[in-house]
Amino acid sequence: MSLNQFETGVGAEIERFRCYFRDGGLPFTAQRRRILKEVCRSASHFDAEELYGRIRRRRITASRATLYRTLAHLERSGVLRRIDIGGDHAHYEFTGADHHEHLVCARCGRVVEIDDPPLETRVAKVLQDHGFSATRHAVQVFGECGECRGGGRAEG
């Protein structure tokens, strides 16, 4: 992704987040904007403490409390998605990334993102068969990766 594409994508997310705050009668502060930009830079899943470390390294002044409140707003606004990849705390991913599912190794914690159009087609068919309209969906499969099982990549 070029810098220009990144800035365009970030601009769209900033506008979505700004509208969320405006519609809720909340202030859209410089701190929230900077935290949002850092979230948009995320190439993979992260937790709040990882993000806090990144914003501190970039010398963005924001307390942990501000970060946690902003993460909650980002999730409610749809900019951020909370994902279950095990562990005792929340992990997040930027929703600007392409939709994908997760395979999670319960032993080593490895997370593999899978993009499987036939799976998405099947999910859409199940929704249709049941007259269900989904606002979002997520598939997380927990097990053991090939390396932890000692056999490398699993076959079929």
C-alpha atoms as a PDB file:
ATOM      1  CA  MET A   1       0.000   0.000   0.000  1.00  0.00           C
ATOM      2  CA  SER A   2       1.402   3.374  -0.998  1.00  0.00           C
ATOM      3  CA  LEU A   3       1.615   6.274   1.423  1.00  0.00           C
ATOM      4  CA  ASN A   4      -1.090   8.065  -0.565  1.00  0.00           C
ATOM      5  CA  GLN A   5      -3.440   5.042  -0.328  1.00  0.00           C
ATOM      6  CA  PHE A   6      -2.709   4.830   3.407  1.00  0.00           C
ATOM      7  CA  GLU A   7      -3.481   8.534   3.936  1.00  0.00           C
ATOM      8  CA  THR A   8      -6.709   8.213   1.901  1.00  0.00           C
ATOM      9  CA  GLY A   9      -7.818   5.198   3.964  1.00  0.00           C
ATOM     10  CA  VAL A  10      -6.914   6.899   7.213  1.00  0.00           C
ATOM     11  CA  GLY A  11      -8.816  10.004   6.117  1.00  0.00           C
ATOM     12  CA  ALA A  12     -11.979   7.955   5.569  1.00  0.00           C
ATOM     13  CA  GLU A  13     -11.665   6.325   9.007  1.00  0.00           C
ATOM     14  CA  ILE A  14     -10.982   9.682  10.657  1.00  0.00           C
ATOM     15  CA  GLU A  15     -14.136  11.061   9.060  1.00  0.00           C
ATOM     16  CA  ARG A  16     -16.185   8.043  10.205  1.00  0.00           C
ATOM     17  CA  PHE A  17     -14.831   8.420  13.752  1.00  0.00           C
ATOM     18  CA  ARG A  18     -15.376  12.203  13.703  1.00  0.00           C
ATOM     19  CA  CYS A  19     -19.043  11.657  12.698  1.00  0.00           C
ATOM     20  CA  TYR A  20     -19.465   9.111  15.495  1.00  0.00           C
ATOM     21  CA  PHE A  21     -18.288  11.702  18.032  1.00  0.00           C
ATOM     22  CA  ARG A  22     -20.283  14.538  16.478  1.00  0.00           C
ATOM     23  CA  ASP A  23     -23.459  12.445  16.456  1.00  0.00           C
ATOM     24  CA  GLY A  24     -22.858  11.467  20.075  1.00  0.00           C
ATOM     25  CA  GLY A  25     -22.157  15.045  21.162  1.00  0.00           C
ATOM     26  CA  LEU A  26     -18.610  14.096  22.211  1.00  0.00           C
ATOM     27  CA  PRO A  27     -15.376  16.005  21.574  1.00  0.00           C
ATOM     28  CA  PHE A  28     -13.056  14.634  18.873  1.00  0.00           C
ATOM     29  CA  THR A  29      -9.728  15.487  20.488  1.00  0.00           C
ATOM     30  CA  ALA A  30      -6.248  15.554  18.996  1.00  0.00           C
ATOM     31  CA  GLN A  31      -5.331  12.598  21.253  1.00  0.00           C
ATOM     32  CA  ARG A  32      -8.178  10.499  19.856  1.00  0.00           C
ATOM     33  CA  ARG A  33      -7.180  11.416  16.308  1.00  0.00           C
ATOM     34  CA  ARG A  34      -3.555  10.385  16.936  1.00  0.00           C
ATOM     35  CA  ILE A  35      -4.625   7.100  18.551  1.00  0.00           C
ATOM     36  CA  LEU A  36      -6.871   6.418  15.555  1.00  0.00           C
ATOM     37  CA  LYS A  37      -3.975   7.050  13.147  1.00  0.00           C
ATOM     38  CA  GLU A  38      -1.833   4.584  15.079  1.00  0.00           C
ATOM     39  CA  VAL A  39      -4.625   1.983  14.961  1.00  0.00           C
ATOM     40  CA  CYS A  40      -4.832   2.472  11.184  1.00  0.00           C
ATOM     41  CA  ARG A  41      -1.096   1.732  10.933  1.00  0.00           C
ATOM     42  CA  SER A  42      -1.653  -1.677  12.532  1.00  0.00           C
ATOM     43  CA  ALA A  43      -0.788  -4.439  10.108  1.00  0.00           C
ATOM     44  CA  SER A  44      -1.901  -7.200  12.465  1.00  0.00           C
ATOM     45  CA  HIS A  45      -3.828  -7.907  15.652  1.00  0.00           C
ATOM     46  CA  PHE A  46      -2.859  -5.995  18.758  1.00  0.00           C
ATOM     47  CA  ASP A  47      -3.848  -5.563  22.362  1.00  0.00           C
ATOM     48  CA  ALA A  48      -4.188  -2.326  24.291  1.00  0.00           C
ATOM     49  CA  GLU A  49      -0.765  -2.567  25.927  1.00  0.00           C
ATOM     50  CA  GLU A  50       0.966  -3.119  22.579  1.00  0.00           C
ATOM     51  CA  LEU A  51      -0.812  -0.063  21.209  1.00  0.00           C
ATOM     52  CA  TYR A  52       0.063   1.935  24.332  1.00  0.00           C
ATOM     53  CA  GLY A  53       3.739   1.054  23.825  1.00  0.00           C
ATOM     54  CA  ARG A  54       3.578   2.188  20.194  1.00  0.00           C
ATOM     55  CA  ILE A  55       1.960   5.520  21.007  1.00  0.00           C
ATOM     56  CA  ARG A  56       4.512   6.152  23.766  1.00  0.00           C
ATOM     57  CA  ARG A  57       7.394   5.421  21.343  1.00  0.00           C
ATOM     58  CA  ARG A  58       5.854   7.935  18.917  1.00  0.00           C
ATOM     59  CA  ARG A  59       5.684  10.446  21.786  1.00  0.00           C
ATOM     60  CA  ILE A  60       1.908  10.723  21.598  1.00  0.00           C
ATOM     61  CA  THR A  61       0.723  12.029  24.939  1.00  0.00           C
ATOM     62  CA  ALA A  62      -2.233   9.955  26.060  1.00  0.00           C
ATOM     63  CA  SER A  63      -2.867   8.149  29.310  1.00  0.00           C
ATOM     64  CA  ARG A  64      -3.806   4.485  29.488  1.00  0.00           C
ATOM     65  CA  ALA A  65      -7.295   5.556  30.551  1.00  0.00           C
ATOM     66  CA  THR A  66      -7.653   7.729  27.439  1.00  0.00           C
ATOM     67  CA  LEU A  67      -6.388   4.880  25.287  1.00  0.00           C
ATOM     68  CA  TYR A  68      -8.848   2.356  26.749  1.00  0.00           C
ATOM     69  CA  ARG A  69     -11.767   4.778  26.423  1.00  0.00           C
ATOM     70  CA  THR A  70     -10.764   5.548  22.834  1.00  0.00           C
ATOM     71  CA  LEU A  71     -10.520   1.834  22.001  1.00  0.00           C
ATOM     72  CA  ALA A  72     -14.065   1.370  23.301  1.00  0.00           C
ATOM     73  CA  HIS A  73     -15.271   4.250  21.109  1.00  0.00           C
ATOM     74  CA  LEU A  74     -13.369   2.881  18.098  1.00  0.00           C
ATOM     75  CA  GLU A  75     -15.075  -0.475  18.598  1.00  0.00           C
ATOM     76  CA  ARG A  76     -18.553   1.049  18.954  1.00  0.00           C
ATOM     77  CA  SER A  77     -18.019   3.219  15.867  1.00  0.00           C
ATOM     78  CA  GLY A  78     -17.057   0.185  13.770  1.00  0.00           C
ATOM     79  CA  VAL A  79     -13.498   1.328  13.056  1.00  0.00           C
ATOM     80  CA  LEU A  80     -12.073  -1.418  15.260  1.00  0.00           C
ATOM     81  CA  ARG A  81     -13.128  -5.006  15.821  1.00  0.00           C
ATOM     82  CA  ARG A  82     -12.524  -6.959  19.039  1.00  0.00           C
ATOM     83  CA  ILE A  83     -11.446 -10.501  18.260  1.00  0.00           C
ATOM     84  CA  ASP A  84     -11.212 -13.611  20.381  1.00  0.00           C
ATOM     85  CA  ILE A  85      -7.827 -15.198  19.881  1.00  0.00           C
ATOM     86  CA  GLY A  86      -7.563 -16.627  23.363  1.00  0.00           C
ATOM     87  CA  GLY A  87      -5.765 -15.250  26.345  1.00  0.00           C
ATOM     88  CA  ASP A  88      -7.088 -13.221  29.207  1.00  0.00           C
ATOM     89  CA  HIS A  89      -7.376  -9.842  27.490  1.00  0.00           C
ATOM     90  CA  ALA A  90      -8.907  -8.327  24.389  1.00  0.00           C
ATOM     91  CA  HIS A  91      -7.213  -8.208  21.024  1.00  0.00           C
ATOM     92  CA  TYR A  92      -8.259  -5.878  18.251  1.00  0.00           C
ATOM     93  CA  GLU A  93      -7.909  -5.445  14.534  1.00  0.00           C
ATOM     94  CA  PHE A  94      -8.525  -2.489  12.285  1.00  0.00           C
ATOM     95  CA  THR A  95     -11.701  -3.058  10.260  1.00  0.00           C
ATOM     96  CA  GLY A  96     -10.170  -1.339   7.245  1.00  0.00           C
ATOM     97  CA  ALA A  97      -8.366  -4.608   6.553  1.00  0.00           C
ATOM     98  CA  ASP A  98     -10.007  -7.146   4.270  1.00  0.00           C
ATOM     99  CA  HIS A  99     -12.468  -9.486   5.945  1.00  0.00           C
ATOM    100  CA  HIS A 100     -10.845 -12.727   7.042  1.00  0.00           C
ATOM    101  CA  GLU A 101     -11.197 -15.506   9.570  1.00  0.00           C
ATOM    102  CA  HIS A 102      -8.690 -16.837  12.105  1.00  0.00           C
ATOM    103  CA  LEU A 103      -7.004 -20.114  12.974  1.00  0.00           C
ATOM    104  CA  VAL A 104      -5.579 -19.874  16.493  1.00  0.00           C
ATOM    105  CA  CYS A 105      -3.025 -22.273  17.949  1.00  0.00           C
ATOM    106  CA  ALA A 106      -4.003 -22.939  21.556  1.00  0.00           C
ATOM    107  CA  ARG A 107      -0.453 -24.064  22.356  1.00  0.00           C
ATOM    108  CA  CYS A 108       1.820 -21.332  20.943  1.00  0.00           C
ATOM    109  CA  GLY A 109      -0.718 -18.569  20.300  1.00  0.00           C
ATOM    110  CA  ARG A 110       0.025 -18.311  16.583  1.00  0.00           C
ATOM    111  CA  VAL A 111      -2.805 -16.684  14.622  1.00  0.00           C
ATOM    112  CA  VAL A 112      -3.254 -17.450  10.944  1.00  0.00           C
ATOM    113  CA  GLU A 113      -5.550 -15.214   8.944  1.00  0.00           C
ATOM    114  CA  ILE A 114      -7.481 -17.077   6.280  1.00  0.00           C
ATOM    115  CA  ASP A 115      -9.313 -15.618   3.324  1.00  0.00           C
ATOM    116  CA  ASP A 116     -11.614 -18.356   2.068  1.00  0.00           C
ATOM    117  CA  PRO A 117     -14.266 -17.191  -0.428  1.00  0.00           C
ATOM    118  CA  PRO A 118     -16.058 -20.589  -0.436  1.00  0.00           C
ATOM    119  CA  LEU A 119     -16.431 -20.309   3.359  1.00  0.00           C
ATOM    120  CA  GLU A 120     -17.879 -16.810   2.987  1.00  0.00           C
ATOM    121  CA  THR A 121     -20.275 -18.115   0.327  1.00  0.00           C
ATOM    122  CA  ARG A 122     -21.363 -20.907   2.677  1.00  0.00           C
ATOM    123  CA  VAL A 123     -21.945 -18.458   5.532  1.00  0.00           C
ATOM    124  CA  ALA A 124     -24.071 -16.278   3.231  1.00  0.00           C
ATOM    125  CA  LYS A 125     -26.084 -19.363   2.184  1.00  0.00           C
ATOM    126  CA  VAL A 126     -26.687 -20.391   5.816  1.00  0.00           C
ATOM    127  CA  LEU A 127     -27.878 -16.857   6.588  1.00  0.00           C
ATOM    128  CA  GLN A 128     -30.213 -16.914   3.601  1.00  0.00           C
ATOM    129  CA  ASP A 129     -31.546 -20.397   4.435  1.00  0.00           C
ATOM    130  CA  HIS A 130     -32.480 -19.207   7.903  1.00  0.00           C
ATOM    131  CA  GLY A 131     -33.823 -15.799   6.868  1.00  0.00           C
ATOM    132  CA  PHE A 132     -31.135 -14.165   8.954  1.00  0.00           C
ATOM    133  CA  SER A 133     -29.524 -10.789   8.309  1.00  0.00           C
ATOM    134  CA  ALA A 134     -26.081 -10.516   9.887  1.00  0.00           C
ATOM    135  CA  THR A 135     -24.464  -7.235  10.844  1.00  0.00           C
ATOM    136  CA  ARG A 136     -21.089  -8.981  11.154  1.00  0.00           C
ATOM    137  CA  HIS A 137     -19.625 -12.426  11.620  1.00  0.00           C
ATOM    138  CA  ALA A 138     -16.370 -13.963  12.735  1.00  0.00           C
ATOM    139  CA  VAL A 139     -14.946 -17.454  12.593  1.00  0.00           C
ATOM    140  CA  GLN A 140     -12.142 -18.388  14.963  1.00  0.00           C
ATOM    141  CA  VAL A 141     -10.964 -21.993  14.937  1.00  0.00           C
ATOM    142  CA  PHE A 142      -8.869 -23.035  17.941  1.00  0.00           C
ATOM    143  CA  GLY A 143      -6.554 -26.018  17.772  1.00  0.00           C
ATOM    144  CA  GLU A 144      -2.868 -26.799  17.316  1.00  0.00           C
ATOM    145  CA  CYS A 145      -0.757 -25.602  14.421  1.00  0.00           C
ATOM    146  CA  GLY A 146       1.353 -28.028  12.408  1.00  0.00           C
ATOM    147  CA  GLU A 147       4.578 -26.888  14.056  1.00  0.00           C
ATOM    148  CA  CYS A 148       3.238 -27.542  17.569  1.00  0.00           C
ATOM    149  CA  ARG A 149       1.990 -30.948  16.487  1.00  0.00           C
ATOM    150  CA  GLY A 150       5.465 -31.634  15.123  1.00  0.00           C
ATOM    151  CA  GLY A 151       4.399 -32.309  11.590  1.00  0.00           C
ATOM    152  CA  GLY A 152       4.761 -28.980   9.852  1.00  0.00           C
ATOM    153  CA  ARG A 153       1.842 -27.937   7.689  1.00  0.00           C
ATOM    154  CA  ALA A 154      -1.261 -30.079   8.127  1.00  0.00           C
ATOM    155  CA  GLU A 155      -2.542 -32.088   5.190  1.00  0.00           C
ATOM    156  CA  GLY A 156      -6.266 -31.974   4.350  1.00  0.00           C
END
